[in-house]
C-alpha atoms as a PDB file:
ATOM      1  CA  MET A   1     -21.314-110.939  48.230  1.00  0.00           C
ATOM      2  CA  PRO A   2     -19.932-108.052  46.183  1.00  0.00           C
ATOM      3  CA  ARG A   3     -22.331-105.227  45.345  1.00  0.00           C
ATOM      4  CA  VAL A   4     -21.501-105.488  41.611  1.00  0.00           C
ATOM      5  CA  THR A   5     -20.014-108.251  39.466  1.00  0.00           C
ATOM      6  CA  THR A   6     -18.423-107.953  36.032  1.00  0.00           C
ATOM      7  CA  GLU A   7     -17.859-110.780  33.562  1.00  0.00           C
ATOM      8  CA  ILE A   8     -16.251-110.144  30.181  1.00  0.00           C
ATOM      9  CA  LYS A   9     -17.082-112.661  27.492  1.00  0.00           C
ATOM     10  CA  GLY A  10     -16.815-112.271  23.725  1.00  0.00           C
ATOM     11  CA  HIS A  11     -15.764-108.607  24.090  1.00  0.00           C
ATOM     12  CA  ILE A  12     -18.990-107.909  26.031  1.00  0.00           C
ATOM     13  CA  ALA A  13     -18.896-106.800  29.665  1.00  0.00           C
ATOM     14  CA  HIS A  14     -21.820-108.169  31.670  1.00  0.00           C
ATOM     15  CA  VAL A  15     -22.181-105.897  34.706  1.00  0.00           C
ATOM     16  CA  THR A  16     -24.706-107.044  37.317  1.00  0.00           C
ATOM     17  CA  LEU A  17     -25.969-105.301  40.436  1.00  0.00           C
ATOM     18  CA  THR A  18     -25.857-108.022  43.081  1.00  0.00           C
ATOM     19  CA  ARG A  19     -27.739-106.815  46.140  1.00  0.00           C
ATOM     20  CA  PRO A  20     -30.973-108.697  45.452  1.00  0.00           C
ATOM     21  CA  ASP A  21     -32.073-108.875  49.086  1.00  0.00           C
ATOM     22  CA  LYS A  22     -32.404-105.052  48.989  1.00  0.00           C
ATOM     23  CA  MET A  23     -33.731-104.913  45.400  1.00  0.00           C
ATOM     24  CA  ASN A  24     -30.304-103.511  44.481  1.00  0.00           C
ATOM     25  CA  ALA A  25     -30.949-100.323  46.436  1.00  0.00           C
ATOM     26  CA  VAL A  26     -27.995 -97.947  46.263  1.00  0.00           C
ATOM     27  CA  ASP A  27     -26.128 -97.333  49.497  1.00  0.00           C
ATOM     28  CA  PRO A  28     -22.693 -95.656  49.556  1.00  0.00           C
ATOM     29  CA  GLU A  29     -20.946 -98.998  49.084  1.00  0.00           C
ATOM     30  CA  MET A  30     -23.127 -99.812  46.074  1.00  0.00           C
ATOM     31  CA  ALA A  31     -22.440 -96.375  44.581  1.00  0.00           C
ATOM     32  CA  GLU A  32     -18.701 -96.922  44.966  1.00  0.00           C
ATOM     33  CA  ALA A  33     -18.965-100.388  43.416  1.00  0.00           C
ATOM     34  CA  ILE A  34     -20.986 -99.207  40.399  1.00  0.00           C
ATOM     35  CA  VAL A  35     -18.550 -96.389  39.700  1.00  0.00           C
ATOM     36  CA  ALA A  36     -15.530 -98.648  40.174  1.00  0.00           C
ATOM     37  CA  ALA A  37     -16.996-101.201  37.748  1.00  0.00           C
ATOM     38  CA  GLY A  38     -17.500 -98.533  35.096  1.00  0.00           C
ATOM     39  CA  HIS A  39     -14.028 -97.068  35.516  1.00  0.00           C
ATOM     40  CA  ALA A  40     -12.413-100.510  35.431  1.00  0.00           C
ATOM     41  CA  LEU A  41     -13.874-101.146  31.975  1.00  0.00           C
ATOM     42  CA  ARG A  42     -12.074 -98.185  30.426  1.00  0.00           C
ATOM     43  CA  GLY A  43      -8.920-100.204  29.974  1.00  0.00           C
ATOM     44  CA  GLU A  44     -10.583-103.424  28.826  1.00  0.00           C
ATOM     45  CA  ASP A  45     -10.840-104.763  25.277  1.00  0.00           C
ATOM     46  CA  ILE A  46     -14.641-104.567  25.168  1.00  0.00           C
ATOM     47  CA  ARG A  47     -17.130-103.567  22.492  1.00  0.00           C
ATOM     48  CA  ALA A  48     -20.386-103.369  24.462  1.00  0.00           C
ATOM     49  CA  VAL A  49     -21.721-103.496  28.017  1.00  0.00           C
ATOM     50  CA  VAL A  50     -24.889-105.123  29.362  1.00  0.00           C
ATOM     51  CA  LEU A  51     -26.037-103.609  32.650  1.00  0.00           C
ATOM     52  CA  SER A  52     -28.593-105.570  34.696  1.00  0.00           C
ATOM     53  CA  GLY A  53     -29.805-106.250  38.224  1.00  0.00           C
ATOM     54  CA  ALA A  54     -30.082-109.584  40.053  1.00  0.00           C
ATOM     55  CA  GLY A  55     -33.288-110.601  41.776  1.00  0.00           C
ATOM     56  CA  ARG A  56     -36.727-108.968  41.613  1.00  0.00           C
ATOM     57  CA  ALA A  57     -35.680-105.513  40.428  1.00  0.00           C
ATOM     58  CA  PHE A  58     -33.092-103.675  38.388  1.00  0.00           C
ATOM     59  CA  CYS A  59     -32.672-101.096  41.169  1.00  0.00           C
ATOM     60  CA  ALA A  60     -35.321 -99.809  43.574  1.00  0.00           C
ATOM     61  CA  GLY A  61     -33.524 -96.521  44.246  1.00  0.00           C
ATOM     62  CA  LEU A  62     -31.563 -95.235  47.205  1.00  0.00           C
ATOM     63  CA  ASP A  63     -31.136 -97.228  50.370  1.00  0.00           C
ATOM     64  CA  VAL A  64     -33.003 -94.614  52.391  1.00  0.00           C
ATOM     65  CA  MET A  65     -31.819 -95.769  55.808  1.00  0.00           C
ATOM     66  CA  SER A  66     -28.149 -95.569  54.892  1.00  0.00           C
ATOM     67  CA  PHE A  67     -28.524 -92.055  53.479  1.00  0.00           C
ATOM     68  CA  ALA A  68     -30.638 -90.926  56.428  1.00  0.00           C
ATOM     69  CA  ALA A  69     -27.636 -91.702  58.610  1.00  0.00           C
ATOM     70  CA  LEU A  70     -25.338 -89.748  56.304  1.00  0.00           C
ATOM     71  CA  ALA A  71     -27.701 -86.767  56.321  1.00  0.00           C
ATOM     72  CA  LYS A  72     -27.027 -86.305  60.037  1.00  0.00           C
ATOM     73  CA  GLY A  73     -23.555 -85.131  59.077  1.00  0.00           C
ATOM     74  CA  ASP A  74     -22.688 -82.332  56.661  1.00  0.00           C
ATOM     75  CA  PRO A  75     -24.704 -82.723  53.408  1.00  0.00           C
ATOM     76  CA  GLU A  76     -22.580 -80.153  51.584  1.00  0.00           C
ATOM     77  CA  ALA A  77     -19.405 -82.028  52.426  1.00  0.00           C
ATOM     78  CA  LEU A  78     -21.033 -85.198  51.077  1.00  0.00           C
ATOM     79  CA  ILE A  79     -22.328 -83.971  47.729  1.00  0.00           C
ATOM     80  CA  MET A  80     -20.644 -80.704  46.767  1.00  0.00           C
ATOM     81  CA  PRO A  81     -17.038 -81.884  46.150  1.00  0.00           C
ATOM     82  CA  ARG A  82     -16.369 -82.871  42.535  1.00  0.00           C
ATOM     83  CA  SER A  83     -14.694 -86.216  43.161  1.00  0.00           C
ATOM     84  CA  HIS A  84     -14.809 -87.476  39.550  1.00  0.00           C
ATOM     85  CA  GLY A  85     -14.073 -84.584  37.215  1.00  0.00           C
ATOM     86  CA  ASP A  86     -17.332 -82.657  36.943  1.00  0.00           C
ATOM     87  CA  THR A  87     -19.373 -85.056  39.117  1.00  0.00           C
ATOM     88  CA  ASN A  88     -19.646 -86.195  42.698  1.00  0.00           C
ATOM     89  CA  LEU A  89     -19.709 -89.909  43.530  1.00  0.00           C
ATOM     90  CA  PHE A  90     -23.474 -90.229  43.218  1.00  0.00           C
ATOM     91  CA  GLN A  91     -23.694 -88.424  39.875  1.00  0.00           C
ATOM     92  CA  GLU A  92     -20.885 -90.607  38.568  1.00  0.00           C
ATOM     93  CA  VAL A  93     -23.122 -93.662  39.138  1.00  0.00           C
ATOM     94  CA  ALA A  94     -24.965 -92.669  35.942  1.00  0.00           C
ATOM     95  CA  MET A  95     -22.408 -90.551  34.127  1.00  0.00           C
ATOM     96  CA  VAL A  96     -19.649 -93.183  34.115  1.00  0.00           C
ATOM     97  CA  TRP A  97     -21.786 -95.274  31.731  1.00  0.00           C
ATOM     98  CA  HIS A  98     -22.803 -92.278  29.642  1.00  0.00           C
ATOM     99  CA  ARG A  99     -19.125 -91.447  29.111  1.00  0.00           C
ATOM    100  CA  LEU A 100     -17.910 -95.000  28.512  1.00  0.00           C
ATOM    101  CA  ALA A 101     -16.437 -95.302  25.021  1.00  0.00           C
ATOM    102  CA  VAL A 102     -18.615 -98.266  23.977  1.00  0.00           C
ATOM    103  CA  PRO A 103     -22.396 -98.754  23.804  1.00  0.00           C
ATOM    104  CA  VAL A 104     -24.088 -99.631  27.091  1.00  0.00           C
ATOM    105  CA  ILE A 105     -27.409-101.504  27.143  1.00  0.00           C
ATOM    106  CA  ALA A 106     -29.491-101.606  30.334  1.00  0.00           C
ATOM    107  CA  ALA A 107     -31.828-104.568  30.871  1.00  0.00           C
ATOM    108  CA  LEU A 108     -34.649-103.350  33.132  1.00  0.00           C
ATOM    109  CA  HIS A 109     -37.178-105.293  35.180  1.00  0.00           C
ATOM    110  CA  GLY A 110     -39.202-104.826  38.322  1.00  0.00           C
ATOM    111  CA  ALA A 111     -38.659-101.489  40.050  1.00  0.00           C
ATOM    112  CA  VAL A 112     -36.476 -98.874  38.357  1.00  0.00           C
ATOM    113  CA  TYR A 113     -36.825 -96.028  40.830  1.00  0.00           C
ATOM    114  CA  GLY A 114     -34.868 -92.903  41.697  1.00  0.00           C
ATOM    115  CA  ALA A 115     -31.193 -93.761  41.631  1.00  0.00           C
ATOM    116  CA  GLY A 116     -32.046 -96.844  39.567  1.00  0.00           C
ATOM    117  CA  LEU A 117     -33.725 -94.794  36.866  1.00  0.00           C
ATOM    118  CA  GLN A 118     -30.857 -92.329  36.750  1.00  0.00           C
ATOM    119  CA  LEU A 119     -28.375 -95.211  36.486  1.00  0.00           C
ATOM    120  CA  ALA A 120     -30.407 -96.604  33.569  1.00  0.00           C
ATOM    121  CA  LEU A 121     -30.424 -93.177  31.898  1.00  0.00           C
ATOM    122  CA  GLY A 122     -26.641 -93.405  31.709  1.00  0.00           C
ATOM    123  CA  ALA A 123     -26.968 -96.294  29.262  1.00  0.00           C
ATOM    124  CA  ASP A 124     -27.218 -95.767  25.506  1.00  0.00           C
ATOM    125  CA  ILE A 125     -30.196 -98.123  25.194  1.00  0.00           C
ATOM    126  CA  ARG A 126     -32.784 -99.345  27.720  1.00  0.00           C
ATOM    127  CA  ILE A 127     -34.758-102.580  27.203  1.00  0.00           C
ATOM    128  CA  ALA A 128     -37.534-103.168  29.731  1.00  0.00           C
ATOM    129  CA  ALA A 129     -39.793-106.044  30.683  1.00  0.00           C
ATOM    130  CA  PRO A 130     -43.508-105.249  30.227  1.00  0.00           C
ATOM    131  CA  GLU A 131     -44.182-105.169  33.984  1.00  0.00           C
ATOM    132  CA  THR A 132     -41.301-102.771  34.726  1.00  0.00           C
ATOM    133  CA  GLN A 133     -42.192 -99.675  36.740  1.00  0.00           C
ATOM    134  CA  LEU A 134     -40.070 -96.536  36.449  1.00  0.00           C
ATOM    135  CA  ALA A 135     -40.106 -93.450  38.652  1.00  0.00           C
ATOM    136  CA  ILE A 136     -38.216 -90.333  39.600  1.00  0.00           C
ATOM    137  CA  MET A 137     -38.801 -91.099  43.261  1.00  0.00           C
ATOM    138  CA  GLU A 138     -36.822 -88.381  45.045  1.00  0.00           C
ATOM    139  CA  MET A 139     -39.768 -86.044  45.684  1.00  0.00           C
ATOM    140  CA  LYS A 140     -41.313 -88.761  47.869  1.00  0.00           C
ATOM    141  CA  TRP A 141     -38.444 -88.155  50.296  1.00  0.00           C
ATOM    142  CA  GLY A 142     -38.450 -84.364  49.990  1.00  0.00           C
ATOM    143  CA  LEU A 143     -35.509 -84.372  47.572  1.00  0.00           C
ATOM    144  CA  ILE A 144     -34.767 -83.695  43.915  1.00  0.00           C
ATOM    145  CA  PRO A 145     -33.096 -86.046  41.418  1.00  0.00           C
ATOM    146  CA  ASP A 146     -29.371 -85.349  41.744  1.00  0.00           C
ATOM    147  CA  MET A 147     -27.579 -88.379  40.335  1.00  0.00           C
ATOM    148  CA  GLY A 148     -27.121 -87.137  36.780  1.00  0.00           C
ATOM    149  CA  GLY A 149     -30.795 -87.287  35.859  1.00  0.00           C
ATOM    150  CA  MET A 150     -31.104 -83.626  34.965  1.00  0.00           C
ATOM    151  CA  ALA A 151     -28.090 -83.841  32.676  1.00  0.00           C
ATOM    152  CA  LEU A 152     -29.531 -86.878  30.878  1.00  0.00           C
ATOM    153  CA  LEU A 153     -33.332 -86.561  30.886  1.00  0.00           C
ATOM    154  CA  PRO A 154     -33.541 -83.506  28.584  1.00  0.00           C
ATOM    155  CA  ARG A 155     -31.750 -85.530  25.887  1.00  0.00           C
ATOM    156  CA  LEU A 156     -34.531 -88.122  25.953  1.00  0.00           C
ATOM    157  CA  THR A 157     -37.893 -86.535  26.677  1.00  0.00           C
ATOM    158  CA  ARG A 158     -39.954 -83.344  26.875  1.00  0.00           C
ATOM    159  CA  SER A 159     -39.856 -80.740  29.624  1.00  0.00           C
ATOM    160  CA  ASP A 160     -43.455 -81.411  30.681  1.00  0.00           C
ATOM    161  CA  VAL A 161     -42.695 -85.131  31.060  1.00  0.00           C
ATOM    162  CA  ILE A 162     -39.640 -84.391  33.211  1.00  0.00           C
ATOM    163  CA  ARG A 163     -41.705 -82.050  35.366  1.00  0.00           C
ATOM    164  CA  HIS A 164     -44.569 -84.520  35.728  1.00  0.00           C
ATOM    165  CA  LEU A 165     -42.264 -87.331  36.807  1.00  0.00           C
ATOM    166  CA  THR A 166     -40.217 -85.107  39.120  1.00  0.00           C
ATOM    167  CA  TYR A 167     -43.130 -83.310  40.789  1.00  0.00           C
ATOM    168  CA  THR A 168     -45.292 -86.386  41.419  1.00  0.00           C
ATOM    169  CA  ALA A 169     -42.804 -89.235  42.038  1.00  0.00           C
ATOM    170  CA  ARG A 170     -45.437 -91.524  40.501  1.00  0.00           C
ATOM    171  CA  PRO A 171     -44.238 -94.788  38.963  1.00  0.00           C
ATOM    172  CA  ILE A 172     -45.120 -95.279  35.315  1.00  0.00           C
ATOM    173  CA  PRO A 173     -45.332 -98.585  33.414  1.00  0.00           C
ATOM    174  CA  ALA A 174     -42.790 -99.559  30.788  1.00  0.00           C
ATOM    175  CA  ALA A 175     -45.229 -98.850  27.934  1.00  0.00           C
ATOM    176  CA  GLN A 176     -45.682 -95.249  29.082  1.00  0.00           C
ATOM    177  CA  ALA A 177     -41.938 -94.864  29.581  1.00  0.00           C
ATOM    178  CA  ALA A 178     -41.400 -96.072  26.019  1.00  0.00           C
ATOM    179  CA  ALA A 179     -43.965 -93.595  24.682  1.00  0.00           C
ATOM    180  CA  TRP A 180     -42.149 -90.812  26.532  1.00  0.00           C
ATOM    181  CA  GLY A 181     -38.720 -91.824  25.225  1.00  0.00           C
ATOM    182  CA  LEU A 182     -37.275 -93.212  28.445  1.00  0.00           C
ATOM    183  CA  VAL A 183     -37.327 -96.853  27.310  1.00  0.00           C
ATOM    184  CA  THR A 184     -36.008 -97.945  23.917  1.00  0.00           C
ATOM    185  CA  GLU A 185     -37.997-101.144  23.596  1.00  0.00           C
ATOM    186  CA  ILE A 186     -40.043-103.628  25.608  1.00  0.00           C
ATOM    187  CA  ALA A 187     -39.153-107.333  25.696  1.00  0.00           C
ATOM    188  CA  GLU A 188     -40.505-110.290  27.641  1.00  0.00           C
ATOM    189  CA  ASP A 189     -36.921-111.204  28.530  1.00  0.00           C
ATOM    190  CA  PRO A 190     -34.979-107.925  28.554  1.00  0.00           C
ATOM    191  CA  LEU A 191     -31.686-109.482  29.641  1.00  0.00           C
ATOM    192  CA  THR A 192     -31.670-111.929  26.737  1.00  0.00           C
ATOM    193  CA  ALA A 193     -32.689-109.133  24.358  1.00  0.00           C
ATOM    194  CA  ALA A 194     -29.894-106.929  25.701  1.00  0.00           C
ATOM    195  CA  GLN A 195     -27.340-109.711  25.347  1.00  0.00           C
ATOM    196  CA  ASP A 196     -28.460-110.411  21.765  1.00  0.00           C
ATOM    197  CA  LEU A 197     -28.154-106.729  20.895  1.00  0.00           C
ATOM    198  CA  ALA A 198     -24.727-106.539  22.539  1.00  0.00           C
ATOM    199  CA  ARG A 199     -23.531-109.463  20.434  1.00  0.00           C
ATOM    200  CA  ASP A 200     -24.754-107.708  17.296  1.00  0.00           C
ATOM    201  CA  ILE A 201     -22.895-104.540  18.309  1.00  0.00           C
ATOM    202  CA  ALA A 202     -19.771-106.512  19.211  1.00  0.00           C
ATOM    203  CA  GLY A 203     -19.739-107.958  15.688  1.00  0.00           C
ATOM    204  CA  ARG A 204     -19.426-104.511  14.099  1.00  0.00           C
ATOM    205  CA  SER A 205     -16.273-102.465  13.570  1.00  0.00           C
ATOM    206  CA  PRO A 206     -15.166-101.498  17.094  1.00  0.00           C
ATOM    207  CA  SER A 207     -13.449 -98.326  15.935  1.00  0.00           C
ATOM    208  CA  ALA A 208     -16.554 -97.247  13.984  1.00  0.00           C
ATOM    209  CA  MET A 209     -18.778 -98.021  16.970  1.00  0.00           C
ATOM    210  CA  ARG A 210     -16.684 -95.888  19.305  1.00  0.00           C
ATOM    211  CA  ALA A 211     -16.576 -93.102  16.717  1.00  0.00           C
ATOM    212  CA  ALA A 212     -20.365 -93.264  16.404  1.00  0.00           C
ATOM    213  CA  LYS A 213     -20.813 -92.881  20.180  1.00  0.00           C
ATOM    214  CA  ARG A 214     -18.427 -89.918  20.229  1.00  0.00           C
ATOM    215  CA  LEU A 215     -20.199 -88.284  17.288  1.00  0.00           C
ATOM    216  CA  ILE A 216     -23.667 -88.734  18.779  1.00  0.00           C
ATOM    217  CA  SER A 217     -22.445 -87.138  22.004  1.00  0.00           C
ATOM    218  CA  VAL A 218     -21.213 -84.112  20.061  1.00  0.00           C
ATOM    219  CA  ALA A 219     -24.501 -83.887  18.153  1.00  0.00           C
ATOM    220  CA  GLU A 220     -26.443 -83.963  21.458  1.00  0.00           C
ATOM    221  CA  SER A 221     -24.203 -81.425  23.158  1.00  0.00           C
ATOM    222  CA  GLY A 222     -25.734 -78.327  21.606  1.00  0.00           C
ATOM    223  CA  ALA A 223     -22.767 -77.815  19.292  1.00  0.00           C
ATOM    224  CA  SER A 224     -23.394 -75.713  16.210  1.00  0.00           C
ATOM    225  CA  VAL A 225     -24.411 -77.351  12.949  1.00  0.00           C
ATOM    226  CA  ALA A 226     -21.030 -76.407  11.509  1.00  0.00           C
ATOM    227  CA  ASP A 227     -19.215 -78.068  14.404  1.00  0.00           C
ATOM    228  CA  VAL A 228     -21.291 -81.249  14.110  1.00  0.00           C
ATOM    229  CA  LEU A 229     -20.672 -81.433  10.367  1.00  0.00           C
ATOM    230  CA  MET A 230     -16.948 -80.938  10.902  1.00  0.00           C
ATOM    231  CA  GLU A 231     -16.910 -83.656  13.558  1.00  0.00           C
ATOM    232  CA  GLU A 232     -18.709 -86.028  11.152  1.00  0.00           C
ATOM    233  CA  SER A 233     -15.965 -85.438   8.590  1.00  0.00           C
ATOM    234  CA  ARG A 234     -13.161 -85.751  11.140  1.00  0.00           C
ATOM    235  CA  GLU A 235     -14.426 -89.052  12.520  1.00  0.00           C
ATOM    236  CA  GLN A 236     -15.092 -90.476   9.051  1.00  0.00           C
ATOM    237  CA  ALA A 237     -11.668 -89.522   7.742  1.00  0.00           C
ATOM    238  CA  ALA A 238     -10.091 -91.376  10.658  1.00  0.00           C
ATOM    239  CA  LEU A 239     -12.022 -94.566   9.797  1.00  0.00           C
ATOM    240  CA  ILE A 240     -11.715 -94.815   6.002  1.00  0.00           C
ATOM    241  CA  GLY A 241      -9.133 -97.332   4.870  1.00  0.00           C
ATOM    242  CA  GLN A 242      -8.121 -98.365   8.375  1.00  0.00           C
ATOM    243  CA  PRO A 243      -7.828-102.048   9.427  1.00  0.00           C
ATOM    244  CA  ASP A 244     -11.270-102.318  11.043  1.00  0.00           C
ATOM    245  CA  GLN A 245     -13.012-100.831   8.030  1.00  0.00           C
ATOM    246  CA  MET A 246     -11.072-102.959   5.564  1.00  0.00           C
ATOM    247  CA  GLU A 247     -11.889-106.093   7.575  1.00  0.00           C
ATOM    248  CA  GLN A 248     -15.567-105.124   7.658  1.00  0.00           C
ATOM    249  CA  ILE A 249     -15.580-104.754   3.878  1.00  0.00           C
ATOM    250  CA  ALA A 250     -13.705-108.034   3.337  1.00  0.00           C
ATOM    251  CA  ALA A 251     -16.088-109.897   5.645  1.00  0.00           C
ATOM    252  CA  ASN A 252     -19.138-108.442   3.898  1.00  0.00           C
ATOM    253  CA  MET A 253     -17.798-109.427   0.483  1.00  0.00           C
ATOM    254  CA  ALA A 254     -16.932-112.950   1.650  1.00  0.00           C
ATOM    255  CA  GLY A 255     -20.198-113.446   3.528  1.00  0.00           C
ATOM    256  CA  ARG A 256     -18.426-114.243   6.771  1.00  0.00           C
ATOM    257  CA  ALA A 257     -18.205-112.784  10.261  1.00  0.00           C
ATOM    258  CA  PRO A 258     -15.492-110.128  10.596  1.00  0.00           C
ATOM    259  CA  VAL A 259     -12.478-110.738  12.795  1.00  0.00           C
ATOM    260  CA  PHE A 260     -11.171-107.522  14.310  1.00  0.00           C
ATOM    261  CA  GLY A 261      -7.964-106.862  16.205  1.00  0.00           C
ATOM    262  CA  GLY A 262      -8.133-104.743  19.351  1.00  0.00           C
ATOM    263  CA  ALA A 263     -11.125-102.875  20.724  1.00  0.00           C
ATOM    264  CA  GLY A 264     -10.470-100.020  18.305  1.00  0.00           C
ATOM    265  CA  GLY A 265     -10.394 -96.256  18.590  1.00  0.00           C
END
C-alpha cells in the first residue's frame, strides 16, 4: 500500500494519507511520499486540493520508533541540509502545501498530533470533526516542533497560545483549536465539507484564485503597506479583461456555471 494516494477529479486533487494501521504516523517513507505528492501537483491542471487521512486519524504524529533508529546516527546530517530550497525534508512536509499555487483544504479527524498538526498548518483552511484532538506533541519526546510549525503558527494564533501548546504537549479539542485560530470550522463530516468547499473554489476563476493566494502570502509576509498595496494593484491589473475574468462575468450575467480553460495563472 502506498503511503499517500492522489486522485484528480473535476480539477480537484484528493490527497489521502494511507497508513491507517499506524494512524498515518510519519516515518521517513511517509515524509518522502507527502512531499512527492505535493511537488507532483505543481504541474497539474488543478484548482484546489483536499488533504485527508484514511482510518481513525488524520495523522497521529511522528513514527517514534523509526526516528529513534535514525537518531542513533548523525542528527545534524539528517536535519540541517536544505534539501528543498529553504527547508529540509521534514519541514517540506508542511511547507509544500503552504507554497502550492492553489488553495489547500485539510479535513481533520481523530488525532492531529505533532507532525500531523504541522502538516495541517500547511493548508489554507482546516475543517475538523468535533471529536478531533490537536497537539504540538514534540515536547513529550524531549523535542521541539521543527516541521514548519514555527513558520506557520505565528500567522494563525497568539504567542501565548503557541507557548502553551509547545510547552505542555497537551491535546486540545477541536472547539478550543477553533477559538485559538488553528481550525477554520468544525463539521460532523469534515471530508465532505472539505470536498464541497473545494468544488466551490474550483468553480471560481482559477487565475483569480491563484492571484488571491499569492497576494495573501505577500500580505502575511511582513511586507510594508506600500508593497502590499502595490502588489494588490499588480495582481488586479493582470486579471482585468483576461479570459478567466471575462468568462466569470459572462457566466454571472447568463446565470450559468463558468467554463474556464486551463488552470490559470
